[in-house]
Amino acid sequence: DEGAKLCRYGVVLFVNQCCVYELSRRMIDIAQSSTESEYCGLSMGVAEAYFIRMVLEAMNEAQHGPLLVGQDNKSCIQIVENPGRHHGRTKHLDVHLRWIEREYEREQLALVYVNTEFMVADVLTKSLAYERHARHTSAMKGHKMPDKEKKAPRKRPVASVETDQMES
């Protein structure tokens, strides 16, 4: 199935430490590398974040400083921060994705490396262990999930040895 081969991207937007938007979608096209996939997801996520920012400004909530975006792919961060340096490896990226580099140069956008262990959007795109899944969903929903119940090891029945048999 061709649809199963497409990459997924996830976006989680926070305002004042509250999740206000979450999105998980398949990418429109097949990515040639994980960096390209992350870059495309970054482009889509920043577009959504700018819309949320415009809505907040329309509600007279002043927005100061650059938009902070967490990214767990160091190559993706390098491409945005140094646009001409990686041209040989990124010239296949569509022009409509390159607007991120311009926004970074205008200081409207700041990328922050977030270790994969703490990337909340991974819950939307990957199968995670319970602990990570619980931590990410609790961050998104504003409540803490219960700890996973650990099964107590089953005790094996010990055959009781009668003292009469031991004396024989």
C-alpha atoms as a PDB file:
ATOM      1  CA  ASP A   1       0.000   0.000   0.000  1.00  0.00           C
ATOM      2  CA  GLU A   2       1.501   3.330  -1.092  1.00  0.00           C
ATOM      3  CA  GLY A   3      -0.167   5.263   1.733  1.00  0.00           C
ATOM      4  CA  ALA A   4       1.605   3.189   4.380  1.00  0.00           C
ATOM      5  CA  LYS A   5       5.013   4.328   3.069  1.00  0.00           C
ATOM      6  CA  LEU A   6       4.364   8.016   3.653  1.00  0.00           C
ATOM      7  CA  CYS A   7       6.012   9.712   6.608  1.00  0.00           C
ATOM      8  CA  ARG A   8       4.013  11.259   9.435  1.00  0.00           C
ATOM      9  CA  TYR A   9       4.606  14.519  11.213  1.00  0.00           C
ATOM     10  CA  GLY A  10       3.238  15.787  14.491  1.00  0.00           C
ATOM     11  CA  VAL A  11       2.730  19.293  15.814  1.00  0.00           C
ATOM     12  CA  VAL A  12       1.956  20.299  19.396  1.00  0.00           C
ATOM     13  CA  LEU A  13       1.544  24.003  20.212  1.00  0.00           C
ATOM     14  CA  PHE A  14       1.650  25.399  23.727  1.00  0.00           C
ATOM     15  CA  VAL A  15       0.554  28.813  24.974  1.00  0.00           C
ATOM     16  CA  ASN A  16       1.481  29.576  28.589  1.00  0.00           C
ATOM     17  CA  GLN A  17       2.366  25.896  29.121  1.00  0.00           C
ATOM     18  CA  CYS A  18      -1.091  24.747  27.969  1.00  0.00           C
ATOM     19  CA  CYS A  19      -1.562  22.675  24.847  1.00  0.00           C
ATOM     20  CA  VAL A  20      -3.810  24.631  22.462  1.00  0.00           C
ATOM     21  CA  TYR A  21      -3.265  22.686  19.238  1.00  0.00           C
ATOM     22  CA  GLU A  22      -2.211  19.202  18.234  1.00  0.00           C
ATOM     23  CA  LEU A  23      -1.950  17.686  14.792  1.00  0.00           C
ATOM     24  CA  SER A  24      -0.766  14.391  13.312  1.00  0.00           C
ATOM     25  CA  ARG A  25      -0.831  13.912   9.549  1.00  0.00           C
ATOM     26  CA  ARG A  26       0.755  11.980   6.751  1.00  0.00           C
ATOM     27  CA  MET A  27       3.080  13.983   4.565  1.00  0.00           C
ATOM     28  CA  ILE A  28       1.928  14.848   1.075  1.00  0.00           C
ATOM     29  CA  ASP A  29       4.934  13.228  -0.588  1.00  0.00           C
ATOM     30  CA  ILE A  30       7.547  10.613   0.249  1.00  0.00           C
ATOM     31  CA  ALA A  31      10.597  12.132   1.940  1.00  0.00           C
ATOM     32  CA  GLN A  32      14.064  11.126   0.768  1.00  0.00           C
ATOM     33  CA  SER A  33      15.559  11.369   4.252  1.00  0.00           C
ATOM     34  CA  SER A  34      14.544  11.789   7.868  1.00  0.00           C
ATOM     35  CA  THR A  35      15.951  15.325   7.757  1.00  0.00           C
ATOM     36  CA  GLU A  36      13.701  16.224   4.841  1.00  0.00           C
ATOM     37  CA  SER A  37      10.743  14.737   6.681  1.00  0.00           C
ATOM     38  CA  GLU A  38      11.551  16.752   9.820  1.00  0.00           C
ATOM     39  CA  TYR A  39      12.072  19.922   7.757  1.00  0.00           C
ATOM     40  CA  CYS A  40       8.689  19.528   6.060  1.00  0.00           C
ATOM     41  CA  GLY A  41       7.025  18.885   9.422  1.00  0.00           C
ATOM     42  CA  LEU A  42       8.769  21.959  10.827  1.00  0.00           C
ATOM     43  CA  SER A  43       7.457  24.075   7.971  1.00  0.00           C
ATOM     44  CA  MET A  44       3.881  22.887   8.498  1.00  0.00           C
ATOM     45  CA  GLY A  45       4.108  23.315  12.268  1.00  0.00           C
ATOM     46  CA  VAL A  46       5.509  26.840  12.107  1.00  0.00           C
ATOM     47  CA  ALA A  47       2.741  27.857   9.694  1.00  0.00           C
ATOM     48  CA  GLU A  48       0.149  26.648  12.226  1.00  0.00           C
ATOM     49  CA  ALA A  49       2.009  28.380  15.065  1.00  0.00           C
ATOM     50  CA  TYR A  50       1.998  31.688  13.170  1.00  0.00           C
ATOM     51  CA  PHE A  51      -1.761  31.377  12.749  1.00  0.00           C
ATOM     52  CA  ILE A  52      -2.222  30.790  16.510  1.00  0.00           C
ATOM     53  CA  ARG A  53       0.025  33.773  17.155  1.00  0.00           C
ATOM     54  CA  MET A  54      -2.104  35.969  14.856  1.00  0.00           C
ATOM     55  CA  VAL A  55      -5.243  34.844  16.687  1.00  0.00           C
ATOM     56  CA  LEU A  56      -3.690  35.753  20.038  1.00  0.00           C
ATOM     57  CA  GLU A  57      -2.701  39.185  18.722  1.00  0.00           C
ATOM     58  CA  ALA A  58      -6.253  39.710  17.415  1.00  0.00           C
ATOM     59  CA  MET A  59      -7.465  39.015  20.966  1.00  0.00           C
ATOM     60  CA  ASN A  60      -5.133  41.787  22.217  1.00  0.00           C
ATOM     61  CA  GLU A  61      -2.625  39.331  23.655  1.00  0.00           C
ATOM     62  CA  ALA A  62       0.669  40.942  22.695  1.00  0.00           C
ATOM     63  CA  GLN A  63       3.322  38.533  21.416  1.00  0.00           C
ATOM     64  CA  HIS A  64       6.922  39.486  22.135  1.00  0.00           C
ATOM     65  CA  GLY A  65      10.132  37.960  20.850  1.00  0.00           C
ATOM     66  CA  PRO A  66      10.627  35.209  18.323  1.00  0.00           C
ATOM     67  CA  LEU A  67       8.435  32.135  18.112  1.00  0.00           C
ATOM     68  CA  LEU A  68      10.212  29.339  20.014  1.00  0.00           C
ATOM     69  CA  VAL A  69      10.078  26.016  18.194  1.00  0.00           C
ATOM     70  CA  GLY A  70      11.371  22.735  19.618  1.00  0.00           C
ATOM     71  CA  GLN A  71      13.084  20.419  17.145  1.00  0.00           C
ATOM     72  CA  ASP A  72      14.749  17.073  17.852  1.00  0.00           C
ATOM     73  CA  ASN A  73      16.620  16.764  14.530  1.00  0.00           C
ATOM     74  CA  LYS A  74      19.990  18.531  14.683  1.00  0.00           C
ATOM     75  CA  SER A  75      20.450  18.386  10.891  1.00  0.00           C
ATOM     76  CA  CYS A  76      17.158  20.206  10.414  1.00  0.00           C
ATOM     77  CA  ILE A  77      18.283  22.936  12.812  1.00  0.00           C
ATOM     78  CA  GLN A  78      21.596  23.267  10.946  1.00  0.00           C
ATOM     79  CA  ILE A  79      19.840  23.692   7.596  1.00  0.00           C
ATOM     80  CA  VAL A  80      17.671  26.509   8.967  1.00  0.00           C
ATOM     81  CA  GLU A  81      20.488  28.282  10.789  1.00  0.00           C
ATOM     82  CA  ASN A  82      22.969  27.980   7.876  1.00  0.00           C
ATOM     83  CA  PRO A  83      20.843  28.094   4.691  1.00  0.00           C
ATOM     84  CA  GLY A  84      23.552  28.241   2.018  1.00  0.00           C
ATOM     85  CA  ARG A  85      25.955  25.849   3.658  1.00  0.00           C
ATOM     86  CA  HIS A  86      23.988  22.655   2.981  1.00  0.00           C
ATOM     87  CA  HIS A  87      22.692  23.560  -0.493  1.00  0.00           C
ATOM     88  CA  GLY A  88      24.219  20.514  -2.204  1.00  0.00           C
ATOM     89  CA  ARG A  89      22.291  18.142   0.035  1.00  0.00           C
ATOM     90  CA  THR A  90      19.071  20.144   0.287  1.00  0.00           C
ATOM     91  CA  LYS A  91      18.527  21.577  -3.177  1.00  0.00           C
ATOM     92  CA  HIS A  92      15.717  19.059  -3.766  1.00  0.00           C
ATOM     93  CA  LEU A  93      13.610  20.675  -1.022  1.00  0.00           C
ATOM     94  CA  ASP A  94      10.719  22.631  -2.442  1.00  0.00           C
ATOM     95  CA  VAL A  95      10.917  26.404  -2.465  1.00  0.00           C
ATOM     96  CA  HIS A  96       7.687  26.705  -0.498  1.00  0.00           C
ATOM     97  CA  LEU A  97       9.471  25.089   2.460  1.00  0.00           C
ATOM     98  CA  ARG A  98      12.411  27.510   2.402  1.00  0.00           C
ATOM     99  CA  TRP A  99      10.467  30.409   3.958  1.00  0.00           C
ATOM    100  CA  ILE A 100      11.523  29.063   7.368  1.00  0.00           C
ATOM    101  CA  GLU A 101      15.112  30.157   6.686  1.00  0.00           C
ATOM    102  CA  ARG A 102      13.969  33.698   5.888  1.00  0.00           C
ATOM    103  CA  GLU A 103      11.934  33.863   9.099  1.00  0.00           C
ATOM    104  CA  TYR A 104      14.975  32.704  11.067  1.00  0.00           C
ATOM    105  CA  GLU A 105      17.132  35.418   9.471  1.00  0.00           C
ATOM    106  CA  ARG A 106      14.492  38.057  10.339  1.00  0.00           C
ATOM    107  CA  GLU A 107      14.631  36.748  13.951  1.00  0.00           C
ATOM    108  CA  GLN A 108      10.922  35.939  13.897  1.00  0.00           C
ATOM    109  CA  LEU A 109      11.704  32.301  14.635  1.00  0.00           C
ATOM    110  CA  ALA A 110      14.106  30.592  17.044  1.00  0.00           C
ATOM    111  CA  LEU A 111      14.801  26.873  16.967  1.00  0.00           C
ATOM    112  CA  VAL A 112      15.575  25.086  20.200  1.00  0.00           C
ATOM    113  CA  TYR A 113      17.021  21.586  20.279  1.00  0.00           C
ATOM    114  CA  VAL A 114      14.833  19.234  22.293  1.00  0.00           C
ATOM    115  CA  ASN A 115      16.186  15.786  23.064  1.00  0.00           C
ATOM    116  CA  THR A 116      14.079  13.045  21.500  1.00  0.00           C
ATOM    117  CA  GLU A 117      13.337  11.744  25.002  1.00  0.00           C
ATOM    118  CA  PHE A 118      11.386  14.952  25.711  1.00  0.00           C
ATOM    119  CA  MET A 119       9.819  15.658  22.282  1.00  0.00           C
ATOM    120  CA  VAL A 120       6.106  15.790  23.116  1.00  0.00           C
ATOM    121  CA  ALA A 121       4.994  15.581  19.463  1.00  0.00           C
ATOM    122  CA  ASP A 122       6.484  12.067  19.193  1.00  0.00           C
ATOM    123  CA  VAL A 123       3.359  10.717  20.882  1.00  0.00           C
ATOM    124  CA  LEU A 124       1.465  11.663  17.694  1.00  0.00           C
ATOM    125  CA  THR A 125       3.815   9.892  15.286  1.00  0.00           C
ATOM    126  CA  LYS A 126       5.498   6.970  17.037  1.00  0.00           C
ATOM    127  CA  SER A 127       4.755   3.969  19.153  1.00  0.00           C
ATOM    128  CA  LEU A 128       6.265   4.773  22.550  1.00  0.00           C
ATOM    129  CA  ALA A 129       6.900   2.908  25.768  1.00  0.00           C
ATOM    130  CA  TYR A 130       4.243   3.528  28.421  1.00  0.00           C
ATOM    131  CA  GLU A 131       6.380   5.850  30.542  1.00  0.00           C
ATOM    132  CA  ARG A 132       7.236   8.182  27.640  1.00  0.00           C
ATOM    133  CA  HIS A 133       3.693   8.014  26.283  1.00  0.00           C
ATOM    134  CA  ALA A 134       2.279   8.898  29.710  1.00  0.00           C
ATOM    135  CA  ARG A 135       4.729  11.781  30.181  1.00  0.00           C
ATOM    136  CA  HIS A 136       3.983  13.279  26.751  1.00  0.00           C
ATOM    137  CA  THR A 137       0.219  12.937  26.941  1.00  0.00           C
ATOM    138  CA  SER A 138       0.156  14.364  30.445  1.00  0.00           C
ATOM    139  CA  ALA A 139       2.099  17.376  29.182  1.00  0.00           C
ATOM    140  CA  MET A 140      -0.398  17.809  26.344  1.00  0.00           C
ATOM    141  CA  LYS A 141      -3.532  17.354  28.425  1.00  0.00           C
ATOM    142  CA  GLY A 142      -2.432  19.110  31.585  1.00  0.00           C
ATOM    143  CA  HIS A 143      -2.949  16.138  33.873  1.00  0.00           C
ATOM    144  CA  LYS A 144      -0.827  13.289  35.064  1.00  0.00           C
ATOM    145  CA  MET A 145      -1.542   9.755  33.955  1.00  0.00           C
ATOM    146  CA  PRO A 146      -1.327   6.971  36.521  1.00  0.00           C
ATOM    147  CA  ASP A 147       1.846   4.958  36.720  1.00  0.00           C
ATOM    148  CA  LYS A 148       1.829   1.693  34.884  1.00  0.00           C
ATOM    149  CA  GLU A 149       0.934  -1.098  37.238  1.00  0.00           C
ATOM    150  CA  LYS A 150       3.810  -3.485  37.606  1.00  0.00           C
ATOM    151  CA  LYS A 151       2.785  -7.055  38.041  1.00  0.00           C
ATOM    152  CA  ALA A 152       4.184  -8.617  41.143  1.00  0.00           C
ATOM    153  CA  PRO A 153       6.216 -11.714  40.418  1.00  0.00           C
ATOM    154  CA  ARG A 154       4.158 -14.806  40.912  1.00  0.00           C
ATOM    155  CA  LYS A 155       5.204 -16.853  43.896  1.00  0.00           C
ATOM    156  CA  ARG A 156       5.757 -20.449  43.127  1.00  0.00           C
ATOM    157  CA  PRO A 157       4.099 -22.835  45.509  1.00  0.00           C
ATOM    158  CA  VAL A 158       6.769 -24.375  47.642  1.00  0.00           C
ATOM    159  CA  ALA A 159       6.196 -28.004  48.376  1.00  0.00           C
ATOM    160  CA  SER A 160       6.154 -28.406  52.086  1.00  0.00           C
ATOM    161  CA  VAL A 161       8.482 -31.059  53.235  1.00  0.00           C
ATOM    162  CA  GLU A 162       7.298 -32.793  56.308  1.00  0.00           C
ATOM    163  CA  THR A 163       9.796 -33.417  59.039  1.00  0.00           C
ATOM    164  CA  ASP A 164       8.884 -37.116  59.118  1.00  0.00           C
ATOM    165  CA  GLN A 165      10.154 -37.579  55.592  1.00  0.00           C
ATOM    166  CA  MET A 166      13.389 -35.777  56.343  1.00  0.00           C
ATOM    167  CA  GLU A 167      14.203 -38.071  59.243  1.00  0.00           C
ATOM    168  CA  SER A 168      13.842 -41.198  57.177  1.00  0.00           C
END
